[in-house]
Amino acid sequence: MKKTSFMRRFITFRKTILSTFIAFVLSFLFELLDWLSERLKVSASFPQLKPFLTHLLFIHQLFIWLAITLACLSFLLLSLEVIERFKKDRIKNLYLSIRGSYRLRKFLLQDERKKSSEESTSAQDLTLSKYNQAVRKLILELNEKELILYLSLPKSYQAQKMLKALENEIKEEIASRYPQYLISTFERIEQALWLKGTKR
């Protein structure tokens, strides 16, 4: 079983949106540095910084263009998915897939204890962290014919054990939220768990 086009786009879309936000923040910071250096006349006080300060505006513009490019890529990915849903499925199912993915992640995430930087991380905390990382990659896709759940398995045996112990609860949660689908059993393929449901 392979990731569907929606799953691949969904993963890429999330990464590009996050990268867009980071690029905009960096652009703002370099613009602020440029403004402060001119205002405080830093180049006059610290001549050794002059070569760096002359490039601040260029770096700011570079990050702005990167952010705009990434934002356009995000919009393109979303547009492709909307067009595909419009042709082969229903646009409502795109919304239900995204909402369902985030709701299931929220359902499965477990609270990690807040620890001070001085405390060492215990094996249990590390297992919980790896479990939560895997849950954050969960993707649920709904369409007019079937329901597909993709859940990446963590590399740690203990984290995998935690996830495997919740298989029945996950099935029950999906069956209660989407009663129009007949849910099968979990199937492991390489480092991922898959769950399929066919529409009644």
C-alpha atoms as a PDB file:
ATOM      1  CA  MET A   1       0.000   0.000   0.000  1.00  0.00           C
ATOM      2  CA  LYS A   2       1.344   3.431  -0.956  1.00  0.00           C
ATOM      3  CA  LYS A   3       0.546   6.966   0.120  1.00  0.00           C
ATOM      4  CA  THR A   4      -2.192   8.555  -1.965  1.00  0.00           C
ATOM      5  CA  SER A   5      -1.684  11.821  -3.865  1.00  0.00           C
ATOM      6  CA  PHE A   6      -3.655  13.616  -1.114  1.00  0.00           C
ATOM      7  CA  MET A   7      -1.305  12.258   1.572  1.00  0.00           C
ATOM      8  CA  ARG A   8       1.815  13.311  -0.332  1.00  0.00           C
ATOM      9  CA  ARG A   9       0.384  16.783  -0.984  1.00  0.00           C
ATOM     10  CA  PHE A  10      -0.798  17.130   2.600  1.00  0.00           C
ATOM     11  CA  ILE A  11       2.712  16.396   3.950  1.00  0.00           C
ATOM     12  CA  THR A  12       4.358  18.774   1.446  1.00  0.00           C
ATOM     13  CA  PHE A  13       1.729  21.470   2.082  1.00  0.00           C
ATOM     14  CA  ARG A  14       2.386  21.419   5.848  1.00  0.00           C
ATOM     15  CA  LYS A  15       6.145  21.675   5.299  1.00  0.00           C
ATOM     16  CA  THR A  16       5.855  24.547   2.806  1.00  0.00           C
ATOM     17  CA  ILE A  17       3.442  26.491   5.053  1.00  0.00           C
ATOM     18  CA  LEU A  18       5.846  26.145   8.000  1.00  0.00           C
ATOM     19  CA  SER A  19       8.820  27.128   5.805  1.00  0.00           C
ATOM     20  CA  THR A  20       6.861  30.148   4.495  1.00  0.00           C
ATOM     21  CA  PHE A  21       6.207  31.340   8.045  1.00  0.00           C
ATOM     22  CA  ILE A  22       9.891  30.898   9.032  1.00  0.00           C
ATOM     23  CA  ALA A  23      11.064  32.764   5.894  1.00  0.00           C
ATOM     24  CA  PHE A  24       8.690  35.687   6.639  1.00  0.00           C
ATOM     25  CA  VAL A  25       9.910  35.882  10.252  1.00  0.00           C
ATOM     26  CA  LEU A  26      13.576  35.840   9.158  1.00  0.00           C
ATOM     27  CA  SER A  27      12.849  38.479   6.533  1.00  0.00           C
ATOM     28  CA  PHE A  28      11.257  40.717   9.166  1.00  0.00           C
ATOM     29  CA  LEU A  29      14.212  40.204  11.542  1.00  0.00           C
ATOM     30  CA  PHE A  30      16.786  41.166   8.888  1.00  0.00           C
ATOM     31  CA  GLU A  31      14.724  44.214   7.933  1.00  0.00           C
ATOM     32  CA  LEU A  32      14.585  45.192  11.616  1.00  0.00           C
ATOM     33  CA  LEU A  33      18.358  44.719  11.941  1.00  0.00           C
ATOM     34  CA  ASP A  34      18.905  46.918   8.876  1.00  0.00           C
ATOM     35  CA  TRP A  35      16.629  49.622  10.297  1.00  0.00           C
ATOM     36  CA  LEU A  36      18.343  49.495  13.712  1.00  0.00           C
ATOM     37  CA  SER A  37      21.848  49.601  12.218  1.00  0.00           C
ATOM     38  CA  GLU A  38      20.954  52.759  10.254  1.00  0.00           C
ATOM     39  CA  ARG A  39      19.171  54.343  13.201  1.00  0.00           C
ATOM     40  CA  LEU A  40      21.966  53.657  15.699  1.00  0.00           C
ATOM     41  CA  LYS A  41      24.748  54.249  13.134  1.00  0.00           C
ATOM     42  CA  VAL A  42      26.346  50.904  14.027  1.00  0.00           C
ATOM     43  CA  SER A  43      28.665  50.919  10.976  1.00  0.00           C
ATOM     44  CA  ALA A  44      30.281  54.145  12.219  1.00  0.00           C
ATOM     45  CA  SER A  45      30.781  52.765  15.731  1.00  0.00           C
ATOM     46  CA  PHE A  46      31.868  49.278  14.604  1.00  0.00           C
ATOM     47  CA  PRO A  47      33.582  49.543  11.182  1.00  0.00           C
ATOM     48  CA  GLN A  48      34.401  45.795  11.223  1.00  0.00           C
ATOM     49  CA  LEU A  49      30.630  45.069  10.899  1.00  0.00           C
ATOM     50  CA  LYS A  50      30.206  47.264   7.807  1.00  0.00           C
ATOM     51  CA  PRO A  51      30.568  44.415   5.217  1.00  0.00           C
ATOM     52  CA  PHE A  52      27.837  42.423   7.006  1.00  0.00           C
ATOM     53  CA  LEU A  53      25.529  45.427   7.502  1.00  0.00           C
ATOM     54  CA  THR A  54      25.609  46.347   3.803  1.00  0.00           C
ATOM     55  CA  HIS A  55      24.110  42.933   2.979  1.00  0.00           C
ATOM     56  CA  LEU A  56      21.218  43.058   5.485  1.00  0.00           C
ATOM     57  CA  LEU A  57      18.741  44.532   3.005  1.00  0.00           C
ATOM     58  CA  PHE A  58      19.743  41.959   0.363  1.00  0.00           C
ATOM     59  CA  ILE A  59      19.243  39.081   2.860  1.00  0.00           C
ATOM     60  CA  HIS A  60      15.856  40.571   3.826  1.00  0.00           C
ATOM     61  CA  GLN A  61      14.772  40.655   0.147  1.00  0.00           C
ATOM     62  CA  LEU A  62      16.084  37.131  -0.377  1.00  0.00           C
ATOM     63  CA  PHE A  63      13.917  35.768   2.445  1.00  0.00           C
ATOM     64  CA  ILE A  64      10.896  37.751   1.199  1.00  0.00           C
ATOM     65  CA  TRP A  65      11.213  36.148  -2.255  1.00  0.00           C
ATOM     66  CA  LEU A  66      11.692  32.732  -0.686  1.00  0.00           C
ATOM     67  CA  ALA A  67       8.553  33.220   1.431  1.00  0.00           C
ATOM     68  CA  ILE A  68       6.523  34.363  -1.597  1.00  0.00           C
ATOM     69  CA  THR A  69       7.755  31.380  -3.664  1.00  0.00           C
ATOM     70  CA  LEU A  70       6.864  28.924  -0.884  1.00  0.00           C
ATOM     71  CA  ALA A  71       3.453  30.563  -0.399  1.00  0.00           C
ATOM     72  CA  CYS A  72       2.775  30.188  -4.155  1.00  0.00           C
ATOM     73  CA  LEU A  73       3.849  26.537  -3.990  1.00  0.00           C
ATOM     74  CA  SER A  74       1.463  25.958  -1.062  1.00  0.00           C
ATOM     75  CA  PHE A  75      -1.372  27.581  -3.005  1.00  0.00           C
ATOM     76  CA  LEU A  76      -0.547  25.443  -6.064  1.00  0.00           C
ATOM     77  CA  LEU A  77      -0.629  22.224  -4.007  1.00  0.00           C
ATOM     78  CA  LEU A  78      -3.967  23.197  -2.474  1.00  0.00           C
ATOM     79  CA  SER A  79      -5.376  24.147  -5.889  1.00  0.00           C
ATOM     80  CA  LEU A  80      -4.298  20.809  -7.409  1.00  0.00           C
ATOM     81  CA  GLU A  81      -6.025  18.905  -4.603  1.00  0.00           C
ATOM     82  CA  VAL A  82      -9.218  20.998  -4.904  1.00  0.00           C
ATOM     83  CA  ILE A  83      -9.310  20.470  -8.712  1.00  0.00           C
ATOM     84  CA  GLU A  84      -8.755  16.712  -8.327  1.00  0.00           C
ATOM     85  CA  ARG A  85     -11.499  16.467  -5.686  1.00  0.00           C
ATOM     86  CA  PHE A  86     -13.839  18.517  -7.867  1.00  0.00           C
ATOM     87  CA  LYS A  87     -13.278  16.154 -10.822  1.00  0.00           C
ATOM     88  CA  LYS A  88     -13.206  12.758  -9.087  1.00  0.00           C
ATOM     89  CA  ASP A  89     -14.743  13.230  -5.646  1.00  0.00           C
ATOM     90  CA  ARG A  90     -16.308  15.971  -3.494  1.00  0.00           C
ATOM     91  CA  ILE A  91     -14.540  19.067  -2.136  1.00  0.00           C
ATOM     92  CA  LYS A  92     -16.309  18.480   1.193  1.00  0.00           C
ATOM     93  CA  ASN A  93     -14.281  15.260   1.584  1.00  0.00           C
ATOM     94  CA  LEU A  94     -11.055  17.297   1.395  1.00  0.00           C
ATOM     95  CA  TYR A  95     -12.220  19.370   4.371  1.00  0.00           C
ATOM     96  CA  LEU A  96     -13.342  16.217   6.230  1.00  0.00           C
ATOM     97  CA  SER A  97      -9.963  14.557   5.567  1.00  0.00           C
ATOM     98  CA  ILE A  98      -7.968  17.499   6.955  1.00  0.00           C
ATOM     99  CA  ARG A  99     -10.286  17.971   9.946  1.00  0.00           C
ATOM    100  CA  GLY A 100     -10.363  14.218  10.617  1.00  0.00           C
ATOM    101  CA  SER A 101      -6.549  13.988  10.534  1.00  0.00           C
ATOM    102  CA  TYR A 102      -6.133  16.763  13.119  1.00  0.00           C
ATOM    103  CA  ARG A 103      -8.941  15.466  15.344  1.00  0.00           C
ATOM    104  CA  LEU A 104      -7.443  11.957  15.426  1.00  0.00           C
ATOM    105  CA  ARG A 105      -3.998  13.355  16.190  1.00  0.00           C
ATOM    106  CA  LYS A 106      -5.459  15.335  19.086  1.00  0.00           C
ATOM    107  CA  PHE A 107      -7.262  12.205  20.312  1.00  0.00           C
ATOM    108  CA  LEU A 108      -4.065  10.098  20.282  1.00  0.00           C
ATOM    109  CA  LEU A 109      -1.507  12.627  21.543  1.00  0.00           C
ATOM    110  CA  GLN A 110      -0.392  12.056  25.104  1.00  0.00           C
ATOM    111  CA  ASP A 111       0.775  14.818  27.444  1.00  0.00           C
ATOM    112  CA  GLU A 112       4.501  14.992  27.974  1.00  0.00           C
ATOM    113  CA  ARG A 113       5.623  16.108  31.420  1.00  0.00           C
ATOM    114  CA  LYS A 114       7.246  19.532  31.480  1.00  0.00           C
ATOM    115  CA  LYS A 115      10.800  19.072  32.683  1.00  0.00           C
ATOM    116  CA  SER A 116      13.420  21.620  33.645  1.00  0.00           C
ATOM    117  CA  SER A 117      16.577  21.726  31.514  1.00  0.00           C
ATOM    118  CA  GLU A 118      18.613  20.412  34.462  1.00  0.00           C
ATOM    119  CA  GLU A 119      16.668  17.136  34.710  1.00  0.00           C
ATOM    120  CA  SER A 120      17.733  14.222  32.573  1.00  0.00           C
ATOM    121  CA  THR A 121      15.182  12.733  30.184  1.00  0.00           C
ATOM    122  CA  SER A 122      14.032   9.323  31.363  1.00  0.00           C
ATOM    123  CA  ALA A 123      13.481   6.368  29.008  1.00  0.00           C
ATOM    124  CA  GLN A 124       9.712   6.704  29.524  1.00  0.00           C
ATOM    125  CA  ASP A 125       9.726  10.365  28.482  1.00  0.00           C
ATOM    126  CA  LEU A 126      11.793   9.522  25.402  1.00  0.00           C
ATOM    127  CA  THR A 127       9.345   6.748  24.461  1.00  0.00           C
ATOM    128  CA  LEU A 128       6.414   9.130  24.891  1.00  0.00           C
ATOM    129  CA  SER A 129       8.154  11.750  22.769  1.00  0.00           C
ATOM    130  CA  LYS A 130       8.763   9.237  19.938  1.00  0.00           C
ATOM    131  CA  TYR A 131       5.154   8.051  20.188  1.00  0.00           C
ATOM    132  CA  ASN A 132       3.862  11.640  19.869  1.00  0.00           C
ATOM    133  CA  GLN A 133       6.165  12.306  16.903  1.00  0.00           C
ATOM    134  CA  ALA A 134       4.632   9.320  15.089  1.00  0.00           C
ATOM    135  CA  VAL A 135       1.071  10.429  15.957  1.00  0.00           C
ATOM    136  CA  ARG A 136       1.754  13.901  14.510  1.00  0.00           C
ATOM    137  CA  LYS A 137       2.375  12.231  11.120  1.00  0.00           C
ATOM    138  CA  LEU A 138      -1.041  10.512  11.070  1.00  0.00           C
ATOM    139  CA  ILE A 139      -3.114  11.192   7.942  1.00  0.00           C
ATOM    140  CA  LEU A 140      -6.736  10.260   7.364  1.00  0.00           C
ATOM    141  CA  GLU A 141      -8.208  10.421   3.867  1.00  0.00           C
ATOM    142  CA  LEU A 142     -11.914  10.235   3.117  1.00  0.00           C
ATOM    143  CA  ASN A 143     -13.493   9.963  -0.303  1.00  0.00           C
ATOM    144  CA  GLU A 144     -16.754   8.710  -1.774  1.00  0.00           C
ATOM    145  CA  LYS A 145     -15.526   5.103  -1.950  1.00  0.00           C
ATOM    146  CA  GLU A 146     -13.225   4.529   1.002  1.00  0.00           C
ATOM    147  CA  LEU A 147     -11.486   5.735   4.118  1.00  0.00           C
ATOM    148  CA  ILE A 148      -7.700   5.303   4.471  1.00  0.00           C
ATOM    149  CA  LEU A 149      -5.666   5.870   7.623  1.00  0.00           C
ATOM    150  CA  TYR A 150      -1.876   6.133   7.451  1.00  0.00           C
ATOM    151  CA  LEU A 151       0.102   5.989  10.688  1.00  0.00           C
ATOM    152  CA  SER A 152       3.901   6.021  10.596  1.00  0.00           C
ATOM    153  CA  LEU A 153       5.460   3.693  13.167  1.00  0.00           C
ATOM    154  CA  PRO A 154       8.123   5.055  15.520  1.00  0.00           C
ATOM    155  CA  LYS A 155      11.534   3.371  15.403  1.00  0.00           C
ATOM    156  CA  SER A 156      11.560   2.652  19.133  1.00  0.00           C
ATOM    157  CA  TYR A 157      10.129  -0.755  20.134  1.00  0.00           C
ATOM    158  CA  GLN A 158       8.484   0.651  23.292  1.00  0.00           C
ATOM    159  CA  ALA A 159       6.810   3.493  21.332  1.00  0.00           C
ATOM    160  CA  GLN A 160       5.583   0.957  18.748  1.00  0.00           C
ATOM    161  CA  LYS A 161       4.194  -1.178  21.575  1.00  0.00           C
ATOM    162  CA  MET A 162       2.270   1.857  22.916  1.00  0.00           C
ATOM    163  CA  LEU A 163       0.787   2.516  19.497  1.00  0.00           C
ATOM    164  CA  LYS A 164      -0.083  -1.131  18.819  1.00  0.00           C
ATOM    165  CA  ALA A 165      -1.893  -1.337  22.180  1.00  0.00           C
ATOM    166  CA  LEU A 166      -4.247   1.441  20.998  1.00  0.00           C
ATOM    167  CA  GLU A 167      -5.301  -0.205  17.711  1.00  0.00           C
ATOM    168  CA  ASN A 168      -8.764  -1.200  18.986  1.00  0.00           C
ATOM    169  CA  GLU A 169      -9.384   2.258  20.467  1.00  0.00           C
ATOM    170  CA  ILE A 170      -8.377   3.907  17.162  1.00  0.00           C
ATOM    171  CA  LYS A 171     -10.701   1.590  15.208  1.00  0.00           C
ATOM    172  CA  GLU A 172     -13.538   2.272  17.635  1.00  0.00           C
ATOM    173  CA  GLU A 173     -12.995   6.036  17.433  1.00  0.00           C
ATOM    174  CA  ILE A 174     -12.989   6.008  13.614  1.00  0.00           C
ATOM    175  CA  ALA A 175     -16.036   3.711  13.439  1.00  0.00           C
ATOM    176  CA  SER A 176     -17.986   6.030  15.773  1.00  0.00           C
ATOM    177  CA  ARG A 177     -17.000   9.172  13.842  1.00  0.00           C
ATOM    178  CA  TYR A 178     -17.543   7.674  10.398  1.00  0.00           C
ATOM    179  CA  PRO A 179     -20.367   5.087  10.696  1.00  0.00           C
ATOM    180  CA  GLN A 180     -20.925   5.149   6.922  1.00  0.00           C
ATOM    181  CA  TYR A 181     -17.684   3.186   6.444  1.00  0.00           C
ATOM    182  CA  LEU A 182     -17.033  -0.495   7.200  1.00  0.00           C
ATOM    183  CA  ILE A 183     -13.653  -0.535   8.952  1.00  0.00           C
ATOM    184  CA  SER A 184     -11.156  -3.371   8.367  1.00  0.00           C
ATOM    185  CA  THR A 185      -8.340  -4.456  10.682  1.00  0.00           C
ATOM    186  CA  PHE A 186      -4.960  -2.720  10.868  1.00  0.00           C
ATOM    187  CA  GLU A 187      -2.342  -3.887   8.400  1.00  0.00           C
ATOM    188  CA  ARG A 188       1.368  -3.289   8.879  1.00  0.00           C
ATOM    189  CA  ILE A 189       3.402  -2.533   5.762  1.00  0.00           C
ATOM    190  CA  GLU A 190       7.074  -1.818   6.414  1.00  0.00           C
ATOM    191  CA  GLN A 191       7.236   1.048   8.963  1.00  0.00           C
ATOM    192  CA  ALA A 192       3.578   2.084   8.792  1.00  0.00           C
ATOM    193  CA  LEU A 193       0.161   0.976   9.958  1.00  0.00           C
ATOM    194  CA  TRP A 194      -2.715   1.186   7.484  1.00  0.00           C
ATOM    195  CA  LEU A 195      -6.434   1.022   8.129  1.00  0.00           C
ATOM    196  CA  LYS A 196      -9.036   0.901   5.371  1.00  0.00           C
ATOM    197  CA  GLY A 197     -12.758   1.413   5.396  1.00  0.00           C
ATOM    198  CA  THR A 198     -15.184   0.857   2.514  1.00  0.00           C
ATOM    199  CA  LYS A 199     -18.361   2.882   2.154  1.00  0.00           C
ATOM    200  CA  ARG A 200     -21.564   1.001   2.955  1.00  0.00           C
END
